[in-house]
Amino acid sequence: MVEELYKNINGNYEEALSRMQNDERIKKFLGFFLADTSYNELKSAMESKSLDDAFRAAHTLKGVCKNMAFTALSIVAEAITEELRAHNFEKAEEIFPSVTNEYNIVITEINKIM
C-alpha cells in the first residue's frame, strides 16, 4: 500500500523506508504531511505576492518533501524555492501551478490509504 503510493506520486519508497524503517512509521509521517501548512502558506503568499513569505513556505515545503522522499513534488518545490530566492517572482508564478498539481497528487494518494 505505502510502496504503491510512492510509485503513484513518483516518489522514492526505498529512500523513505531507509529513513523511516517501516511502513507504519511512513504512514505516521504521511499523516503529519496532511497536517503540514507550508503548501497553504505558499499559496496564500503567492496570491498576495509576498515574496518573503512565499520563499519561507516554499523552502519549508521543499524540506518536508525531501525528507519524505516525495521526489516529483520536491523537484518543483525546489525549483520555486530557487526562483523566489533569486527574487524572480514572475518565474515562481509560472512554476506554482506545477507545485499545486504535484501537491494535489500527493494529497490524493495519501488520502487513499489513510
PDB file of N, CA and C in Angstrom:
ATOM      1  N   MET A   1       0.808  -1.193   0.000  1.00  0.00           N
ATOM      2  CA  MET A   1       0.000   0.000   0.000  1.00  0.00           C
ATOM      3  C   MET A   1       0.856   1.263   0.000  1.00  0.00           C
ATOM      4  N   VAL A   2       1.786   1.357   0.932  1.00  0.00           N
ATOM      5  CA  VAL A   2       2.656   2.529   1.005  1.00  0.00           C
ATOM      6  C   VAL A   2       3.593   2.560  -0.203  1.00  0.00           C
ATOM      7  N   GLU A   3       4.117   1.408  -0.565  1.00  0.00           N
ATOM      8  CA  GLU A   3       5.007   1.354  -1.727  1.00  0.00           C
ATOM      9  C   GLU A   3       4.270   1.797  -2.992  1.00  0.00           C
ATOM     10  N   GLU A   4       3.015   1.397  -3.121  1.00  0.00           N
ATOM     11  CA  GLU A   4       2.203   1.804  -4.271  1.00  0.00           C
ATOM     12  C   GLU A   4       1.986   3.316  -4.282  1.00  0.00           C
ATOM     13  N   LEU A   5       1.758   3.890  -3.105  1.00  0.00           N
ATOM     14  CA  LEU A   5       1.606   5.343  -3.008  1.00  0.00           C
ATOM     15  C   LEU A   5       2.844   6.027  -3.584  1.00  0.00           C
ATOM     16  N   TYR A   6       4.009   5.583  -3.174  1.00  0.00           N
ATOM     17  CA  TYR A   6       5.244   6.207  -3.663  1.00  0.00           C
ATOM     18  C   TYR A   6       5.388   6.053  -5.172  1.00  0.00           C
ATOM     19  N   LYS A   7       4.966   4.929  -5.691  1.00  0.00           N
ATOM     20  CA  LYS A   7       5.002   4.736  -7.145  1.00  0.00           C
ATOM     21  C   LYS A   7       4.063   5.734  -7.825  1.00  0.00           C
ATOM     22  N   ASN A   8       2.872   5.899  -7.272  1.00  0.00           N
ATOM     23  CA  ASN A   8       1.864   6.777  -7.867  1.00  0.00           C
ATOM     24  C   ASN A   8       2.220   8.261  -7.810  1.00  0.00           C
ATOM     25  N   ILE A   9       3.067   8.632  -6.871  1.00  0.00           N
ATOM     26  CA  ILE A   9       3.444  10.047  -6.743  1.00  0.00           C
ATOM     27  C   ILE A   9       4.844  10.318  -7.299  1.00  0.00           C
ATOM     28  N   ASN A  10       5.428   9.319  -7.934  1.00  0.00           N
ATOM     29  CA  ASN A  10       6.810   9.442  -8.424  1.00  0.00           C
ATOM     30  C   ASN A  10       7.751   9.807  -7.287  1.00  0.00           C
ATOM     31  N   GLY A  11       7.605   9.068  -6.198  1.00  0.00           N
ATOM     32  CA  GLY A  11       8.472   9.240  -5.037  1.00  0.00           C
ATOM     33  C   GLY A  11       9.485   8.121  -4.968  1.00  0.00           C
ATOM     34  N   ASN A  12      10.263   8.114  -3.909  1.00  0.00           N
ATOM     35  CA  ASN A  12      11.303   7.106  -3.726  1.00  0.00           C
ATOM     36  C   ASN A  12      11.006   6.316  -2.454  1.00  0.00           C
ATOM     37  N   TYR A  13      10.289   5.212  -2.629  1.00  0.00           N
ATOM     38  CA  TYR A  13       9.885   4.384  -1.489  1.00  0.00           C
ATOM     39  C   TYR A  13      11.098   3.856  -0.721  1.00  0.00           C
ATOM     40  N   GLU A  14      12.111   3.401  -1.433  1.00  0.00           N
ATOM     41  CA  GLU A  14      13.288   2.827  -0.773  1.00  0.00           C
ATOM     42  C   GLU A  14      13.967   3.859   0.122  1.00  0.00           C
ATOM     43  N   GLU A  15      14.053   5.082  -0.353  1.00  0.00           N
ATOM     44  CA  GLU A  15      14.647   6.153   0.454  1.00  0.00           C
ATOM     45  C   GLU A  15      13.801   6.419   1.693  1.00  0.00           C
ATOM     46  N   ALA A  16      12.495   6.507   1.509  1.00  0.00           N
ATOM     47  CA  ALA A  16      11.602   6.739   2.649  1.00  0.00           C
ATOM     48  C   ALA A  16      11.709   5.596   3.651  1.00  0.00           C
ATOM     49  N   LEU A  17      11.746   4.377   3.154  1.00  0.00           N
ATOM     50  CA  LEU A  17      11.840   3.200   4.025  1.00  0.00           C
ATOM     51  C   LEU A  17      13.170   3.189   4.779  1.00  0.00           C
ATOM     52  N   SER A  18      14.241   3.547   4.111  1.00  0.00           N
ATOM     53  CA  SER A  18      15.541   3.563   4.797  1.00  0.00           C
ATOM     54  C   SER A  18      15.567   4.634   5.882  1.00  0.00           C
ATOM     55  N   ARG A  19      14.869   5.722   5.659  1.00  0.00           N
ATOM     56  CA  ARG A  19      14.848   6.824   6.625  1.00  0.00           C
ATOM     57  C   ARG A  19      13.899   6.531   7.786  1.00  0.00           C
ATOM     58  N   MET A  20      12.743   5.922   7.474  1.00  0.00           N
ATOM     59  CA  MET A  20      11.702   5.770   8.499  1.00  0.00           C
ATOM     60  C   MET A  20      11.524   4.339   8.994  1.00  0.00           C
ATOM     61  N   GLN A  21      12.248   3.359   8.428  1.00  0.00           N
ATOM     62  CA  GLN A  21      12.357   1.992   8.919  1.00  0.00           C
ATOM     63  C   GLN A  21      11.233   1.027   8.545  1.00  0.00           C
ATOM     64  N   ASN A  22       9.977   1.491   8.525  1.00  0.00           N
ATOM     65  CA  ASN A  22       8.884   0.575   8.183  1.00  0.00           C
ATOM     66  C   ASN A  22       7.658   1.360   7.701  1.00  0.00           C
ATOM     67  N   ASP A  23       6.724   0.622   7.108  1.00  0.00           N
ATOM     68  CA  ASP A  23       5.536   1.263   6.529  1.00  0.00           C
ATOM     69  C   ASP A  23       4.681   1.973   7.580  1.00  0.00           C
ATOM     70  N   GLU A  24       4.601   1.407   8.779  1.00  0.00           N
ATOM     71  CA  GLU A  24       3.773   2.052   9.811  1.00  0.00           C
ATOM     72  C   GLU A  24       4.322   3.427  10.182  1.00  0.00           C
ATOM     73  N   ARG A  25       5.638   3.529  10.253  1.00  0.00           N
ATOM     74  CA  ARG A  25       6.237   4.832  10.546  1.00  0.00           C
ATOM     75  C   ARG A  25       6.052   5.797   9.381  1.00  0.00           C
ATOM     76  N   ILE A  26       6.188   5.282   8.161  1.00  0.00           N
ATOM     77  CA  ILE A  26       5.950   6.130   6.992  1.00  0.00           C
ATOM     78  C   ILE A  26       4.520   6.662   7.039  1.00  0.00           C
ATOM     79  N   LYS A  27       3.571   5.789   7.345  1.00  0.00           N
ATOM     80  CA  LYS A  27       2.166   6.217   7.413  1.00  0.00           C
ATOM     81  C   LYS A  27       1.961   7.286   8.484  1.00  0.00           C
ATOM     82  N   LYS A  28       2.670   7.159   9.598  1.00  0.00           N
ATOM     83  CA  LYS A  28       2.582   8.172  10.653  1.00  0.00           C
ATOM     84  C   LYS A  28       3.025   9.532  10.097  1.00  0.00           C
ATOM     85  N   PHE A  29       4.132   9.539   9.352  1.00  0.00           N
ATOM     86  CA  PHE A  29       4.634  10.787   8.789  1.00  0.00           C
ATOM     87  C   PHE A  29       3.772  11.281   7.633  1.00  0.00           C
ATOM     88  N   LEU A  30       3.117  10.372   6.927  1.00  0.00           N
ATOM     89  CA  LEU A  30       2.154  10.803   5.899  1.00  0.00           C
ATOM     90  C   LEU A  30       1.026  11.591   6.562  1.00  0.00           C
ATOM     91  N   GLY A  31       0.611  11.153   7.732  1.00  0.00           N
ATOM     92  CA  GLY A  31      -0.401  11.884   8.495  1.00  0.00           C
ATOM     93  C   GLY A  31       0.083  13.269   8.886  1.00  0.00           C
ATOM     94  N   PHE A  32       1.351  13.347   9.296  1.00  0.00           N
ATOM     95  CA  PHE A  32       1.927  14.655   9.619  1.00  0.00           C
ATOM     96  C   PHE A  32       1.940  15.547   8.384  1.00  0.00           C
ATOM     97  N   PHE A  33       2.231  14.961   7.225  1.00  0.00           N
ATOM     98  CA  PHE A  33       2.256  15.753   5.992  1.00  0.00           C
ATOM     99  C   PHE A  33       0.880  16.343   5.701  1.00  0.00           C
ATOM    100  N   LEU A  34      -0.162  15.559   5.935  1.00  0.00           N
ATOM    101  CA  LEU A  34      -1.521  16.079   5.718  1.00  0.00           C
ATOM    102  C   LEU A  34      -1.795  17.306   6.584  1.00  0.00           C
ATOM    103  N   ALA A  35      -1.185  17.354   7.759  1.00  0.00           N
ATOM    104  CA  ALA A  35      -1.394  18.466   8.677  1.00  0.00           C
ATOM    105  C   ALA A  35      -0.442  19.633   8.432  1.00  0.00           C
ATOM    106  N   ASP A  36       0.569  19.430   7.601  1.00  0.00           N
ATOM    107  CA  ASP A  36       1.553  20.476   7.328  1.00  0.00           C
ATOM    108  C   ASP A  36       0.890  21.636   6.588  1.00  0.00           C
ATOM    109  N   THR A  37       1.220  22.852   6.986  1.00  0.00           N
ATOM    110  CA  THR A  37       0.566  24.036   6.416  1.00  0.00           C
ATOM    111  C   THR A  37       1.418  24.763   5.373  1.00  0.00           C
ATOM    112  N   SER A  38       2.602  24.254   5.068  1.00  0.00           N
ATOM    113  CA  SER A  38       3.503  25.020   4.202  1.00  0.00           C
ATOM    114  C   SER A  38       2.944  25.246   2.794  1.00  0.00           C
ATOM    115  N   TYR A  39       2.240  24.259   2.224  1.00  0.00           N
ATOM    116  CA  TYR A  39       1.663  24.487   0.894  1.00  0.00           C
ATOM    117  C   TYR A  39       0.607  25.600   0.950  1.00  0.00           C
ATOM    118  N   ASN A  40      -0.269  25.548   1.930  1.00  0.00           N
ATOM    119  CA  ASN A  40      -1.315  26.577   2.036  1.00  0.00           C
ATOM    120  C   ASN A  40      -0.711  27.953   2.293  1.00  0.00           C
ATOM    121  N   GLU A  41       0.372  27.992   3.062  1.00  0.00           N
ATOM    122  CA  GLU A  41       1.064  29.257   3.283  1.00  0.00           C
ATOM    123  C   GLU A  41       1.692  29.761   1.986  1.00  0.00           C
ATOM    124  N   LEU A  42       2.256  28.842   1.207  1.00  0.00           N
ATOM    125  CA  LEU A  42       2.826  29.221  -0.088  1.00  0.00           C
ATOM    126  C   LEU A  42       1.743  29.759  -1.011  1.00  0.00           C
ATOM    127  N   LYS A  43       0.629  29.071  -1.072  1.00  0.00           N
ATOM    128  CA  LYS A  43      -0.480  29.501  -1.934  1.00  0.00           C
ATOM    129  C   LYS A  43      -0.947  30.896  -1.547  1.00  0.00           C
ATOM    130  N   SER A  44      -1.127  31.117  -0.266  1.00  0.00           N
ATOM    131  CA  SER A  44      -1.574  32.417   0.222  1.00  0.00           C
ATOM    132  C   SER A  44      -0.546  33.510  -0.103  1.00  0.00           C
ATOM    133  N   ALA A  45       0.720  33.202   0.101  1.00  0.00           N
ATOM    134  CA  ALA A  45       1.773  34.181  -0.176  1.00  0.00           C
ATOM    135  C   ALA A  45       1.884  34.478  -1.667  1.00  0.00           C
ATOM    136  N   MET A  46       1.691  33.461  -2.493  1.00  0.00           N
ATOM    137  CA  MET A  46       1.729  33.690  -3.941  1.00  0.00           C
ATOM    138  C   MET A  46       0.559  34.577  -4.355  1.00  0.00           C
ATOM    139  N   GLU A  47      -0.609  34.330  -3.786  1.00  0.00           N
ATOM    140  CA  GLU A  47      -1.793  35.134  -4.117  1.00  0.00           C
ATOM    141  C   GLU A  47      -1.617  36.591  -3.688  1.00  0.00           C
ATOM    142  N   SER A  48      -0.986  36.798  -2.533  1.00  0.00           N
ATOM    143  CA  SER A  48      -0.797  38.164  -2.035  1.00  0.00           C
ATOM    144  C   SER A  48       0.522  38.778  -2.511  1.00  0.00           C
ATOM    145  N   LYS A  49       1.255  38.007  -3.308  1.00  0.00           N
ATOM    146  CA  LYS A  49       2.530  38.462  -3.887  1.00  0.00           C
ATOM    147  C   LYS A  49       3.545  38.861  -2.811  1.00  0.00           C
ATOM    148  N   SER A  50       3.579  38.075  -1.741  1.00  0.00           N
ATOM    149  CA  SER A  50       4.525  38.318  -0.656  1.00  0.00           C
ATOM    150  C   SER A  50       5.755  37.429  -0.862  1.00  0.00           C
ATOM    151  N   LEU A  51       6.783  38.014  -1.434  1.00  0.00           N
ATOM    152  CA  LEU A  51       7.987  37.270  -1.785  1.00  0.00           C
ATOM    153  C   LEU A  51       8.617  36.569  -0.583  1.00  0.00           C
ATOM    154  N   ASP A  52       8.808  37.273   0.506  1.00  0.00           N
ATOM    155  CA  ASP A  52       9.472  36.683   1.675  1.00  0.00           C
ATOM    156  C   ASP A  52       8.669  35.532   2.260  1.00  0.00           C
ATOM    157  N   ASP A  53       7.366  35.727   2.394  1.00  0.00           N
ATOM    158  CA  ASP A  53       6.520  34.660   2.935  1.00  0.00           C
ATOM    159  C   ASP A  53       6.469  33.470   1.986  1.00  0.00           C
ATOM    160  N   ALA A  54       6.424  33.748   0.692  1.00  0.00           N
ATOM    161  CA  ALA A  54       6.407  32.669  -0.297  1.00  0.00           C
ATOM    162  C   ALA A  54       7.710  31.881  -0.233  1.00  0.00           C
ATOM    163  N   PHE A  55       8.822  32.574  -0.114  1.00  0.00           N
ATOM    164  CA  PHE A  55      10.106  31.882  -0.021  1.00  0.00           C
ATOM    165  C   PHE A  55      10.158  30.980   1.201  1.00  0.00           C
ATOM    166  N   ARG A  56       9.770  31.496   2.361  1.00  0.00           N
ATOM    167  CA  ARG A  56       9.803  30.690   3.596  1.00  0.00           C
ATOM    168  C   ARG A  56       8.925  29.449   3.456  1.00  0.00           C
ATOM    169  N   ALA A  57       7.733  29.620   2.925  1.00  0.00           N
ATOM    170  CA  ALA A  57       6.812  28.489   2.782  1.00  0.00           C
ATOM    171  C   ALA A  57       7.335  27.485   1.760  1.00  0.00           C
ATOM    172  N   ALA A  58       7.843  27.961   0.647  1.00  0.00           N
ATOM    173  CA  ALA A  58       8.376  27.061  -0.385  1.00  0.00           C
ATOM    174  C   ALA A  58       9.580  26.295   0.141  1.00  0.00           C
ATOM    175  N   HIS A  59      10.438  26.981   0.874  1.00  0.00           N
ATOM    176  CA  HIS A  59      11.627  26.346   1.442  1.00  0.00           C
ATOM    177  C   HIS A  59      11.231  25.257   2.438  1.00  0.00           C
ATOM    178  N   THR A  60      10.241  25.546   3.253  1.00  0.00           N
ATOM    179  CA  THR A  60       9.746  24.552   4.208  1.00  0.00           C
ATOM    180  C   THR A  60       9.139  23.357   3.477  1.00  0.00           C
ATOM    181  N   LEU A  61       8.308  23.634   2.480  1.00  0.00           N
ATOM    182  CA  LEU A  61       7.687  22.555   1.701  1.00  0.00           C
ATOM    183  C   LEU A  61       8.752  21.690   1.036  1.00  0.00           C
ATOM    184  N   LYS A  62       9.760  22.326   0.472  1.00  0.00           N
ATOM    185  CA  LYS A  62      10.854  21.592  -0.172  1.00  0.00           C
ATOM    186  C   LYS A  62      11.517  20.645   0.825  1.00  0.00           C
ATOM    187  N   GLY A  63      11.816  21.137   2.000  1.00  0.00           N
ATOM    188  CA  GLY A  63      12.472  20.309   3.019  1.00  0.00           C
ATOM    189  C   GLY A  63      11.621  19.136   3.452  1.00  0.00           C
ATOM    190  N   VAL A  64      10.361  19.388   3.677  1.00  0.00           N
ATOM    191  CA  VAL A  64       9.449  18.318   4.080  1.00  0.00           C
ATOM    192  C   VAL A  64       9.372  17.251   2.982  1.00  0.00           C
ATOM    193  N   CYS A  65       9.259  17.693   1.729  1.00  0.00           N
ATOM    194  CA  CYS A  65       9.146  16.752   0.614  1.00  0.00           C
ATOM    195  C   CYS A  65      10.423  15.938   0.426  1.00  0.00           C
ATOM    196  N   LYS A  66      11.564  16.568   0.609  1.00  0.00           N
ATOM    197  CA  LYS A  66      12.827  15.837   0.506  1.00  0.00           C
ATOM    198  C   LYS A  66      12.922  14.805   1.621  1.00  0.00           C
ATOM    199  N   ASN A  67      12.541  15.182   2.831  1.00  0.00           N
ATOM    200  CA  ASN A  67      12.580  14.238   3.955  1.00  0.00           C
ATOM    201  C   ASN A  67      11.628  13.067   3.757  1.00  0.00           C
ATOM    202  N   MET A  68      10.493  13.331   3.122  1.00  0.00           N
ATOM    203  CA  MET A  68       9.502  12.275   2.877  1.00  0.00           C
ATOM    204  C   MET A  68       9.805  11.479   1.609  1.00  0.00           C
ATOM    205  N   ALA A  69      10.802  11.909   0.836  1.00  0.00           N
ATOM    206  CA  ALA A  69      11.179  11.274  -0.439  1.00  0.00           C
ATOM    207  C   ALA A  69      10.055  11.375  -1.472  1.00  0.00           C
ATOM    208  N   PHE A  70       9.352  12.506  -1.454  1.00  0.00           N
ATOM    209  CA  PHE A  70       8.345  12.813  -2.468  1.00  0.00           C
ATOM    210  C   PHE A  70       9.077  13.465  -3.647  1.00  0.00           C
ATOM    211  N   THR A  71       9.720  12.678  -4.451  1.00  0.00           N
ATOM    212  CA  THR A  71      10.654  13.162  -5.462  1.00  0.00           C
ATOM    213  C   THR A  71      10.049  14.197  -6.402  1.00  0.00           C
ATOM    214  N   ALA A  72       8.943  13.873  -7.050  1.00  0.00           N
ATOM    215  CA  ALA A  72       8.356  14.787  -8.040  1.00  0.00           C
ATOM    216  C   ALA A  72       7.959  16.116  -7.392  1.00  0.00           C
ATOM    217  N   LEU A  73       7.340  16.057  -6.235  1.00  0.00           N
ATOM    218  CA  LEU A  73       6.935  17.288  -5.549  1.00  0.00           C
ATOM    219  C   LEU A  73       8.158  18.055  -5.055  1.00  0.00           C
ATOM    220  N   SER A  74       9.166  17.355  -4.576  1.00  0.00           N
ATOM    221  CA  SER A  74      10.345  18.073  -4.079  1.00  0.00           C
ATOM    222  C   SER A  74      11.082  18.782  -5.207  1.00  0.00           C
ATOM    223  N   ILE A  75      11.057  18.219  -6.411  1.00  0.00           N
ATOM    224  CA  ILE A  75      11.724  18.862  -7.554  1.00  0.00           C
ATOM    225  C   ILE A  75      11.072  20.209  -7.872  1.00  0.00           C
ATOM    226  N   VAL A  76       9.751  20.245  -7.942  1.00  0.00           N
ATOM    227  CA  VAL A  76       9.086  21.521  -8.259  1.00  0.00           C
ATOM    228  C   VAL A  76       9.125  22.470  -7.072  1.00  0.00           C
ATOM    229  N   ALA A  77       9.099  21.925  -5.853  1.00  0.00           N
ATOM    230  CA  ALA A  77       9.224  22.781  -4.667  1.00  0.00           C
ATOM    231  C   ALA A  77      10.610  23.417  -4.622  1.00  0.00           C
ATOM    232  N   GLU A  78      11.621  22.665  -5.008  1.00  0.00           N
ATOM    233  CA  GLU A  78      12.969  23.227  -5.054  1.00  0.00           C
ATOM    234  C   GLU A  78      13.078  24.289  -6.149  1.00  0.00           C
ATOM    235  N   ALA A  79      12.455  24.036  -7.293  1.00  0.00           N
ATOM    236  CA  ALA A  79      12.505  24.999  -8.397  1.00  0.00           C
ATOM    237  C   ALA A  79      11.867  26.326  -7.999  1.00  0.00           C
ATOM    238  N   ILE A  80      10.709  26.278  -7.362  1.00  0.00           N
ATOM    239  CA  ILE A  80      10.051  27.530  -6.970  1.00  0.00           C
ATOM    240  C   ILE A  80      10.840  28.215  -5.855  1.00  0.00           C
ATOM    241  N   THR A  81      11.412  27.420  -4.955  1.00  0.00           N
ATOM    242  CA  THR A  81      12.230  27.991  -3.880  1.00  0.00           C
ATOM    243  C   THR A  81      13.399  28.784  -4.457  1.00  0.00           C
ATOM    244  N   GLU A  82      14.072  28.199  -5.443  1.00  0.00           N
ATOM    245  CA  GLU A  82      15.242  28.872  -6.020  1.00  0.00           C
ATOM    246  C   GLU A  82      14.856  30.134  -6.785  1.00  0.00           C
ATOM    247  N   GLU A  83      13.716  30.133  -7.458  1.00  0.00           N
ATOM    248  CA  GLU A  83      13.262  31.349  -8.140  1.00  0.00           C
ATOM    249  C   GLU A  83      12.909  32.441  -7.132  1.00  0.00           C
ATOM    250  N   LEU A  84      12.285  32.044  -6.039  1.00  0.00           N
ATOM    251  CA  LEU A  84      11.951  33.026  -5.005  1.00  0.00           C
ATOM    252  C   LEU A  84      13.216  33.532  -4.313  1.00  0.00           C
ATOM    253  N   ARG A  85      14.178  32.650  -4.105  1.00  0.00           N
ATOM    254  CA  ARG A  85      15.450  33.064  -3.510  1.00  0.00           C
ATOM    255  C   ARG A  85      16.129  34.131  -4.384  1.00  0.00           C
ATOM    256  N   ALA A  86      15.983  33.969  -5.701  1.00  0.00           N
ATOM    257  CA  ALA A  86      16.567  34.913  -6.664  1.00  0.00           C
ATOM    258  C   ALA A  86      15.673  36.134  -6.892  1.00  0.00           C
ATOM    259  N   HIS A  87      14.586  36.227  -6.120  1.00  0.00           N
ATOM    260  CA  HIS A  87      13.634  37.340  -6.236  1.00  0.00           C
ATOM    261  C   HIS A  87      12.976  37.391  -7.614  1.00  0.00           C
ATOM    262  N   ASN A  88      12.830  36.242  -8.240  1.00  0.00           N
ATOM    263  CA  ASN A  88      12.192  36.160  -9.552  1.00  0.00           C
ATOM    264  C   ASN A  88      10.749  35.674  -9.353  1.00  0.00           C
ATOM    265  N   PHE A  89       9.914  36.575  -8.849  1.00  0.00           N
ATOM    266  CA  PHE A  89       8.540  36.214  -8.505  1.00  0.00           C
ATOM    267  C   PHE A  89       7.740  35.800  -9.741  1.00  0.00           C
ATOM    268  N   GLU A  90       7.985  36.459 -10.841  1.00  0.00           N
ATOM    269  CA  GLU A  90       7.259  36.134 -12.081  1.00  0.00           C
ATOM    270  C   GLU A  90       7.513  34.684 -12.507  1.00  0.00           C
ATOM    271  N   LYS A  91       8.749  34.249 -12.455  1.00  0.00           N
ATOM    272  CA  LYS A  91       9.091  32.863 -12.801  1.00  0.00           C
ATOM    273  C   LYS A  91       8.490  31.901 -11.768  1.00  0.00           C
ATOM    274  N   ALA A  92       8.495  32.302 -10.508  1.00  0.00           N
ATOM    275  CA  ALA A  92       7.888  31.479  -9.459  1.00  0.00           C
ATOM    276  C   ALA A  92       6.392  31.284  -9.725  1.00  0.00           C
ATOM    277  N   GLU A  93       5.751  32.345 -10.203  1.00  0.00           N
ATOM    278  CA  GLU A  93       4.325  32.235 -10.542  1.00  0.00           C
ATOM    279  C   GLU A  93       4.099  31.230 -11.672  1.00  0.00           C
ATOM    280  N   GLU A  94       5.038  31.139 -12.589  1.00  0.00           N
ATOM    281  CA  GLU A  94       4.923  30.158 -13.678  1.00  0.00           C
ATOM    282  C   GLU A  94       5.075  28.728 -13.162  1.00  0.00           C
ATOM    283  N   ILE A  95       5.889  28.544 -12.140  1.00  0.00           N
ATOM    284  CA  ILE A  95       6.145  27.215 -11.578  1.00  0.00           C
ATOM    285  C   ILE A  95       5.042  26.781 -10.621  1.00  0.00           C
ATOM    286  N   PHE A  96       4.396  27.739  -9.974  1.00  0.00           N
ATOM    287  CA  PHE A  96       3.424  27.412  -8.925  1.00  0.00           C
ATOM    288  C   PHE A  96       2.336  26.424  -9.366  1.00  0.00           C
ATOM    289  N   PRO A  97       1.771  26.511 -10.579  1.00  0.00           N
ATOM    290  CA  PRO A  97       0.768  25.505 -10.966  1.00  0.00           C
ATOM    291  C   PRO A  97       1.320  24.067 -10.950  1.00  0.00           C
ATOM    292  N   SER A  98       2.588  23.899 -11.262  1.00  0.00           N
ATOM    293  CA  SER A  98       3.198  22.569 -11.192  1.00  0.00           C
ATOM    294  C   SER A  98       3.312  22.094  -9.750  1.00  0.00           C
ATOM    295  N   VAL A  99       3.635  23.023  -8.848  1.00  0.00           N
ATOM    296  CA  VAL A  99       3.687  22.690  -7.422  1.00  0.00           C
ATOM    297  C   VAL A  99       2.303  22.245  -6.964  1.00  0.00           C
ATOM    298  N   THR A 100       1.302  23.006  -7.349  1.00  0.00           N
ATOM    299  CA  THR A 100      -0.077  22.682  -6.971  1.00  0.00           C
ATOM    300  C   THR A 100      -0.487  21.315  -7.509  1.00  0.00           C
ATOM    301  N   ASN A 101      -0.172  21.056  -8.752  1.00  0.00           N
ATOM    302  CA  ASN A 101      -0.524  19.776  -9.362  1.00  0.00           C
ATOM    303  C   ASN A 101       0.129  18.613  -8.615  1.00  0.00           C
ATOM    304  N   GLU A 102       1.428  18.694  -8.386  1.00  0.00           N
ATOM    305  CA  GLU A 102       2.139  17.606  -7.692  1.00  0.00           C
ATOM    306  C   GLU A 102       1.659  17.471  -6.250  1.00  0.00           C
ATOM    307  N   TYR A 103       1.405  18.588  -5.593  1.00  0.00           N
ATOM    308  CA  TYR A 103       0.896  18.555  -4.218  1.00  0.00           C
ATOM    309  C   TYR A 103      -0.451  17.841  -4.171  1.00  0.00           C
ATOM    310  N   ASN A 104      -1.328  18.180  -5.103  1.00  0.00           N
ATOM    311  CA  ASN A 104      -2.655  17.549  -5.125  1.00  0.00           C
ATOM    312  C   ASN A 104      -2.566  16.050  -5.385  1.00  0.00           C
ATOM    313  N   ILE A 105      -1.631  15.625  -6.221  1.00  0.00           N
ATOM    314  CA  ILE A 105      -1.423  14.196  -6.455  1.00  0.00           C
ATOM    315  C   ILE A 105      -1.018  13.510  -5.156  1.00  0.00           C
ATOM    316  N   VAL A 106      -0.076  14.104  -4.443  1.00  0.00           N
ATOM    317  CA  VAL A 106       0.393  13.515  -3.181  1.00  0.00           C
ATOM    318  C   VAL A 106      -0.753  13.432  -2.172  1.00  0.00           C
ATOM    319  N   ILE A 107      -1.491  14.519  -2.003  1.00  0.00           N
ATOM    320  CA  ILE A 107      -2.597  14.544  -1.035  1.00  0.00           C
ATOM    321  C   ILE A 107      -3.650  13.494  -1.392  1.00  0.00           C
ATOM    322  N   THR A 108      -3.990  13.397  -2.659  1.00  0.00           N
ATOM    323  CA  THR A 108      -4.990  12.410  -3.105  1.00  0.00           C
ATOM    324  C   THR A 108      -4.529  10.997  -2.779  1.00  0.00           C
ATOM    325  N   GLU A 109      -3.282  10.700  -3.077  1.00  0.00           N
ATOM    326  CA  GLU A 109      -2.763   9.351  -2.821  1.00  0.00           C
ATOM    327  C   GLU A 109      -2.660   9.055  -1.321  1.00  0.00           C
ATOM    328  N   ILE A 110      -2.262  10.032  -0.533  1.00  0.00           N
ATOM    329  CA  ILE A 110      -2.213   9.806   0.915  1.00  0.00           C
ATOM    330  C   ILE A 110      -3.608   9.535   1.436  1.00  0.00           C
ATOM    331  N   ASN A 111      -4.585  10.309   0.996  1.00  0.00           N
ATOM    332  CA  ASN A 111      -5.948  10.132   1.484  1.00  0.00           C
ATOM    333  C   ASN A 111      -6.517   8.753   1.115  1.00  0.00           C
ATOM    334  N   LYS A 112      -6.031   8.163   0.052  1.00  0.00           N
ATOM    335  CA  LYS A 112      -6.487   6.818  -0.329  1.00  0.00           C
ATOM    336  C   LYS A 112      -6.102   5.753   0.685  1.00  0.00           C
ATOM    337  N   ILE A 113      -4.980   5.950   1.371  1.00  0.00           N
ATOM    338  CA  ILE A 113      -4.519   4.907   2.296  1.00  0.00           C
ATOM    339  C   ILE A 113      -4.688   5.258   3.765  1.00  0.00           C
ATOM    340  N   MET A 114      -5.109   6.467   4.037  1.00  0.00           N
ATOM    341  CA  MET A 114      -5.253   6.875   5.451  1.00  0.00           C
ATOM    342  C   MET A 114      -6.687   6.652   5.931  1.00  0.00           C
TER     343      MET A 114
END
